[in-house]
Amino acid sequence: MTKPKIIQILEDIVYATLGGQNSDAHKRQFEQASLPTYILAGLLGIAVFVAVIALVVSLLI
């Protein structure tokens, strides 16, 4: 069992956020990665998303 690369985890988080994901990626997530890895990556993804939205809003006001 090999661990997924950082880029694969980031891709998985983006696809999960957008709601689209193929079955191969879904299988890879459950076979190769640990739950805490995806929880941490998801929280970081949400933090980046909120920061970008806050930046855009502050630039528009």
PDB file of N, CA and C in Angstrom:
ATOM      1  N   MET A   1       0.851  -1.181   0.000  1.00  0.00           N
ATOM      2  CA  MET A   1       0.000   0.000   0.000  1.00  0.00           C
ATOM      3  C   MET A   1       0.892   1.237   0.000  1.00  0.00           C
ATOM      4  N   THR A   2       0.765   2.059  -1.038  1.00  0.00           N
ATOM      5  CA  THR A   2       1.555   3.272  -1.142  1.00  0.00           C
ATOM      6  C   THR A   2       0.706   4.472  -0.745  1.00  0.00           C
ATOM      7  N   LYS A   3       1.371   5.430  -0.148  1.00  0.00           N
ATOM      8  CA  LYS A   3       0.667   6.648   0.242  1.00  0.00           C
ATOM      9  C   LYS A   3       0.475   7.530  -0.983  1.00  0.00           C
ATOM     10  N   PRO A   4      -0.645   8.238  -1.049  1.00  0.00           N
ATOM     11  CA  PRO A   4      -0.845   9.148  -2.182  1.00  0.00           C
ATOM     12  C   PRO A   4       0.092  10.346  -2.070  1.00  0.00           C
ATOM     13  N   LYS A   5       0.451  10.899  -3.210  1.00  0.00           N
ATOM     14  CA  LYS A   5       1.306  12.077  -3.230  1.00  0.00           C
ATOM     15  C   LYS A   5       0.476  13.301  -2.861  1.00  0.00           C
ATOM     16  N   ILE A   6       1.164  14.352  -2.477  1.00  0.00           N
ATOM     17  CA  ILE A   6       0.485  15.574  -2.042  1.00  0.00           C
ATOM     18  C   ILE A   6      -0.417  16.112  -3.150  1.00  0.00           C
ATOM     19  N   ILE A   7       0.062  16.065  -4.385  1.00  0.00           N
ATOM     20  CA  ILE A   7      -0.751  16.576  -5.494  1.00  0.00           C
ATOM     21  C   ILE A   7      -2.027  15.758  -5.661  1.00  0.00           C
ATOM     22  N   GLN A   8      -1.963  14.456  -5.419  1.00  0.00           N
ATOM     23  CA  GLN A   8      -3.159  13.618  -5.505  1.00  0.00           C
ATOM     24  C   GLN A   8      -4.160  13.985  -4.418  1.00  0.00           C
ATOM     25  N   ILE A   9      -3.660  14.257  -3.225  1.00  0.00           N
ATOM     26  CA  ILE A   9      -4.546  14.653  -2.124  1.00  0.00           C
ATOM     27  C   ILE A   9      -5.213  15.989  -2.445  1.00  0.00           C
ATOM     28  N   LEU A  10      -4.438  16.939  -2.970  1.00  0.00           N
ATOM     29  CA  LEU A  10      -5.005  18.240  -3.329  1.00  0.00           C
ATOM     30  C   LEU A  10      -6.057  18.102  -4.429  1.00  0.00           C
ATOM     31  N   GLU A  11      -5.772  17.257  -5.420  1.00  0.00           N
ATOM     32  CA  GLU A  11      -6.763  17.018  -6.471  1.00  0.00           C
ATOM     33  C   GLU A  11      -8.039  16.419  -5.892  1.00  0.00           C
ATOM     34  N   ASP A  12      -7.879  15.467  -4.988  1.00  0.00           N
ATOM     35  CA  ASP A  12      -9.047  14.839  -4.369  1.00  0.00           C
ATOM     36  C   ASP A  12      -9.884  15.853  -3.606  1.00  0.00           C
ATOM     37  N   ILE A  13      -9.229  16.763  -2.898  1.00  0.00           N
ATOM     38  CA  ILE A  13      -9.943  17.781  -2.126  1.00  0.00           C
ATOM     39  C   ILE A  13     -10.692  18.727  -3.063  1.00  0.00           C
ATOM     40  N   VAL A  14     -10.047  19.143  -4.154  1.00  0.00           N
ATOM     41  CA  VAL A  14     -10.703  20.042  -5.109  1.00  0.00           C
ATOM     42  C   VAL A  14     -11.905  19.356  -5.744  1.00  0.00           C
ATOM     43  N   TYR A  15     -11.721  18.122  -6.186  1.00  0.00           N
ATOM     44  CA  TYR A  15     -12.837  17.400  -6.807  1.00  0.00           C
ATOM     45  C   TYR A  15     -13.969  17.158  -5.813  1.00  0.00           C
ATOM     46  N   ALA A  16     -13.641  16.867  -4.582  1.00  0.00           N
ATOM     47  CA  ALA A  16     -14.678  16.658  -3.570  1.00  0.00           C
ATOM     48  C   ALA A  16     -15.432  17.958  -3.293  1.00  0.00           C
ATOM     49  N   THR A  17     -14.715  19.069  -3.301  1.00  0.00           N
ATOM     50  CA  THR A  17     -15.348  20.362  -3.080  1.00  0.00           C
ATOM     51  C   THR A  17     -16.308  20.700  -4.218  1.00  0.00           C
ATOM     52  N   LEU A  18     -15.906  20.378  -5.432  1.00  0.00           N
ATOM     53  CA  LEU A  18     -16.733  20.679  -6.597  1.00  0.00           C
ATOM     54  C   LEU A  18     -17.823  19.644  -6.821  1.00  0.00           C
ATOM     55  N   GLY A  19     -17.722  18.524  -6.142  1.00  0.00           N
ATOM     56  CA  GLY A  19     -18.765  17.514  -6.222  1.00  0.00           C
ATOM     57  C   GLY A  19     -18.582  16.483  -7.310  1.00  0.00           C
ATOM     58  N   GLY A  20     -17.459  16.491  -7.986  1.00  0.00           N
ATOM     59  CA  GLY A  20     -17.238  15.511  -9.045  1.00  0.00           C
ATOM     60  C   GLY A  20     -15.977  14.710  -8.797  1.00  0.00           C
ATOM     61  N   GLN A  21     -16.091  13.404  -8.919  1.00  0.00           N
ATOM     62  CA  GLN A  21     -14.935  12.561  -8.652  1.00  0.00           C
ATOM     63  C   GLN A  21     -15.158  11.222  -9.346  1.00  0.00           C
ATOM     64  N   ASN A  22     -14.105  10.686  -9.956  1.00  0.00           N
ATOM     65  CA  ASN A  22     -14.277   9.395 -10.613  1.00  0.00           C
ATOM     66  C   ASN A  22     -14.099   8.259  -9.610  1.00  0.00           C
ATOM     67  N   SER A  23     -14.504   7.086 -10.002  1.00  0.00           N
ATOM     68  CA  SER A  23     -14.487   5.954  -9.068  1.00  0.00           C
ATOM     69  C   SER A  23     -13.074   5.501  -8.731  1.00  0.00           C
ATOM     70  N   ASP A  24     -12.122   5.694  -9.651  1.00  0.00           N
ATOM     71  CA  ASP A  24     -10.739   5.308  -9.359  1.00  0.00           C
ATOM     72  C   ASP A  24     -10.155   6.148  -8.225  1.00  0.00           C
ATOM     73  N   ALA A  25     -10.409   7.446  -8.257  1.00  0.00           N
ATOM     74  CA  ALA A  25      -9.922   8.319  -7.190  1.00  0.00           C
ATOM     75  C   ALA A  25     -10.593   7.973  -5.869  1.00  0.00           C
ATOM     76  N   HIS A  26     -11.864   7.660  -5.943  1.00  0.00           N
ATOM     77  CA  HIS A  26     -12.604   7.288  -4.730  1.00  0.00           C
ATOM     78  C   HIS A  26     -12.016   6.022  -4.112  1.00  0.00           C
ATOM     79  N   LYS A  27     -11.723   5.030  -4.925  1.00  0.00           N
ATOM     80  CA  LYS A  27     -11.116   3.793  -4.423  1.00  0.00           C
ATOM     81  C   LYS A  27      -9.734   4.049  -3.846  1.00  0.00           C
ATOM     82  N   ARG A  28      -8.943   4.891  -4.540  1.00  0.00           N
ATOM     83  CA  ARG A  28      -7.589   5.195  -4.076  1.00  0.00           C
ATOM     84  C   ARG A  28      -7.620   5.855  -2.697  1.00  0.00           C
ATOM     85  N   GLN A  29      -8.585   6.752  -2.494  1.00  0.00           N
ATOM     86  CA  GLN A  29      -8.676   7.437  -1.207  1.00  0.00           C
ATOM     87  C   GLN A  29      -8.866   6.451  -0.068  1.00  0.00           C
ATOM     88  N   PHE A  30      -9.736   5.491  -0.253  1.00  0.00           N
ATOM     89  CA  PHE A  30     -10.041   4.569   0.829  1.00  0.00           C
ATOM     90  C   PHE A  30      -9.014   3.463   0.975  1.00  0.00           C
ATOM     91  N   GLU A  31      -8.261   3.181  -0.071  1.00  0.00           N
ATOM     92  CA  GLU A  31      -7.277   2.111   0.000  1.00  0.00           C
ATOM     93  C   GLU A  31      -5.909   2.597   0.449  1.00  0.00           C
ATOM     94  N   GLN A  32      -5.538   3.821   0.106  1.00  0.00           N
ATOM     95  CA  GLN A  32      -4.166   4.254   0.312  1.00  0.00           C
ATOM     96  C   GLN A  32      -3.977   5.284   1.417  1.00  0.00           C
ATOM     97  N   ALA A  33      -4.919   6.150   1.617  1.00  0.00           N
ATOM     98  CA  ALA A  33      -4.694   7.268   2.533  1.00  0.00           C
ATOM     99  C   ALA A  33      -5.407   7.053   3.853  1.00  0.00           C
ATOM    100  N   SER A  34      -4.914   7.765   4.841  1.00  0.00           N
ATOM    101  CA  SER A  34      -5.542   7.691   6.154  1.00  0.00           C
ATOM    102  C   SER A  34      -6.561   8.826   6.300  1.00  0.00           C
ATOM    103  N   LEU A  35      -7.531   8.607   7.126  1.00  0.00           N
ATOM    104  CA  LEU A  35      -8.586   9.593   7.346  1.00  0.00           C
ATOM    105  C   LEU A  35      -8.041  10.927   7.863  1.00  0.00           C
ATOM    106  N   PRO A  36      -7.130  10.938   8.844  1.00  0.00           N
ATOM    107  CA  PRO A  36      -6.621  12.233   9.323  1.00  0.00           C
ATOM    108  C   PRO A  36      -5.949  13.066   8.227  1.00  0.00           C
ATOM    109  N   THR A  37      -5.322  12.405   7.260  1.00  0.00           N
ATOM    110  CA  THR A  37      -4.690  13.132   6.158  1.00  0.00           C
ATOM    111  C   THR A  37      -5.723  13.917   5.371  1.00  0.00           C
ATOM    112  N   TYR A  38      -6.835  13.271   5.044  1.00  0.00           N
ATOM    113  CA  TYR A  38      -7.870  13.947   4.263  1.00  0.00           C
ATOM    114  C   TYR A  38      -8.634  14.967   5.097  1.00  0.00           C
ATOM    115  N   ILE A  39      -8.788  14.734   6.376  1.00  0.00           N
ATOM    116  CA  ILE A  39      -9.444  15.724   7.236  1.00  0.00           C
ATOM    117  C   ILE A  39      -8.599  16.990   7.304  1.00  0.00           C
ATOM    118  N   LEU A  40      -7.299  16.829   7.522  1.00  0.00           N
ATOM    119  CA  LEU A  40      -6.403  17.980   7.585  1.00  0.00           C
ATOM    120  C   LEU A  40      -6.367  18.721   6.251  1.00  0.00           C
ATOM    121  N   ALA A  41      -6.258  17.985   5.159  1.00  0.00           N
ATOM    122  CA  ALA A  41      -6.230  18.614   3.836  1.00  0.00           C
ATOM    123  C   ALA A  41      -7.547  19.334   3.551  1.00  0.00           C
ATOM    124  N   GLY A  42      -8.657  18.752   3.946  1.00  0.00           N
ATOM    125  CA  GLY A  42      -9.954  19.389   3.752  1.00  0.00           C
ATOM    126  C   GLY A  42     -10.090  20.676   4.544  1.00  0.00           C
ATOM    127  N   LEU A  43      -9.636  20.654   5.784  1.00  0.00           N
ATOM    128  CA  LEU A  43      -9.692  21.864   6.611  1.00  0.00           C
ATOM    129  C   LEU A  43      -8.811  22.962   6.035  1.00  0.00           C
ATOM    130  N   LEU A  44      -7.635  22.588   5.548  1.00  0.00           N
ATOM    131  CA  LEU A  44      -6.758  23.581   4.923  1.00  0.00           C
ATOM    132  C   LEU A  44      -7.383  24.127   3.641  1.00  0.00           C
ATOM    133  N   GLY A  45      -8.021  23.259   2.879  1.00  0.00           N
ATOM    134  CA  GLY A  45      -8.699  23.703   1.661  1.00  0.00           C
ATOM    135  C   GLY A  45      -9.818  24.683   1.959  1.00  0.00           C
ATOM    136  N   ILE A  46     -10.581  24.410   2.999  1.00  0.00           N
ATOM    137  CA  ILE A  46     -11.659  25.317   3.402  1.00  0.00           C
ATOM    138  C   ILE A  46     -11.085  26.655   3.854  1.00  0.00           C
ATOM    139  N   ALA A  47      -9.991  26.627   4.604  1.00  0.00           N
ATOM    140  CA  ALA A  47      -9.365  27.862   5.076  1.00  0.00           C
ATOM    141  C   ALA A  47      -8.883  28.714   3.901  1.00  0.00           C
ATOM    142  N   VAL A  48      -8.286  28.082   2.906  1.00  0.00           N
ATOM    143  CA  VAL A  48      -7.829  28.815   1.721  1.00  0.00           C
ATOM    144  C   VAL A  48      -9.024  29.392   0.965  1.00  0.00           C
ATOM    145  N   PHE A  49     -10.076  28.614   0.822  1.00  0.00           N
ATOM    146  CA  PHE A  49     -11.283  29.083   0.130  1.00  0.00           C
ATOM    147  C   PHE A  49     -11.872  30.304   0.834  1.00  0.00           C
ATOM    148  N   VAL A  50     -12.001  30.245   2.141  1.00  0.00           N
ATOM    149  CA  VAL A  50     -12.555  31.369   2.905  1.00  0.00           C
ATOM    150  C   VAL A  50     -11.652  32.594   2.788  1.00  0.00           C
ATOM    151  N   ALA A  51     -10.337  32.391   2.825  1.00  0.00           N
ATOM    152  CA  ALA A  51      -9.404  33.510   2.697  1.00  0.00           C
ATOM    153  C   ALA A  51      -9.521  34.170   1.326  1.00  0.00           C
ATOM    154  N   VAL A  52      -9.663  33.382   0.280  1.00  0.00           N
ATOM    155  CA  VAL A  52      -9.806  33.936  -1.069  1.00  0.00           C
ATOM    156  C   VAL A  52     -11.117  34.709  -1.185  1.00  0.00           C
ATOM    157  N   ILE A  53     -12.194  34.163  -0.664  1.00  0.00           N
ATOM    158  CA  ILE A  53     -13.483  34.870  -0.703  1.00  0.00           C
ATOM    159  C   ILE A  53     -13.397  36.178   0.079  1.00  0.00           C
ATOM    160  N   ALA A  54     -12.776  36.156   1.247  1.00  0.00           N
ATOM    161  CA  ALA A  54     -12.628  37.370   2.050  1.00  0.00           C
ATOM    162  C   ALA A  54     -11.784  38.408   1.314  1.00  0.00           C
ATOM    163  N   LEU A  55     -10.746  37.964   0.630  1.00  0.00           N
ATOM    164  CA  LEU A  55      -9.904  38.884  -0.132  1.00  0.00           C
ATOM    165  C   LEU A  55     -10.682  39.514  -1.283  1.00  0.00           C
ATOM    166  N   VAL A  56     -11.431  38.725  -1.993  1.00  0.00           N
ATOM    167  CA  VAL A  56     -12.225  39.244  -3.112  1.00  0.00           C
ATOM    168  C   VAL A  56     -13.259  40.247  -2.609  1.00  0.00           C
ATOM    169  N   VAL A  57     -13.935  39.920  -1.531  1.00  0.00           N
ATOM    170  CA  VAL A  57     -14.941  40.832  -0.978  1.00  0.00           C
ATOM    171  C   VAL A  57     -14.293  42.131  -0.513  1.00  0.00           C
ATOM    172  N   SER A  58     -13.145  42.039   0.144  1.00  0.00           N
ATOM    173  CA  SER A  58     -12.485  43.255   0.627  1.00  0.00           C
ATOM    174  C   SER A  58     -11.993  44.123  -0.531  1.00  0.00           C
ATOM    175  N   LEU A  59     -11.638  43.511  -1.645  1.00  0.00           N
ATOM    176  CA  LEU A  59     -11.210  44.295  -2.802  1.00  0.00           C
ATOM    177  C   LEU A  59     -12.390  44.957  -3.509  1.00  0.00           C
ATOM    178  N   LEU A  60     -13.560  44.367  -3.407  1.00  0.00           N
ATOM    179  CA  LEU A  60     -14.740  44.917  -4.071  1.00  0.00           C
ATOM    180  C   LEU A  60     -15.419  46.012  -3.265  1.00  0.00           C
ATOM    181  N   ILE A  61     -15.180  46.050  -1.974  1.00  0.00           N
ATOM    182  CA  ILE A  61     -15.847  47.043  -1.117  1.00  0.00           C
ATOM    183  C   ILE A  61     -15.012  48.297  -1.018  1.00  0.00           C
TER     184      ILE A  61
END
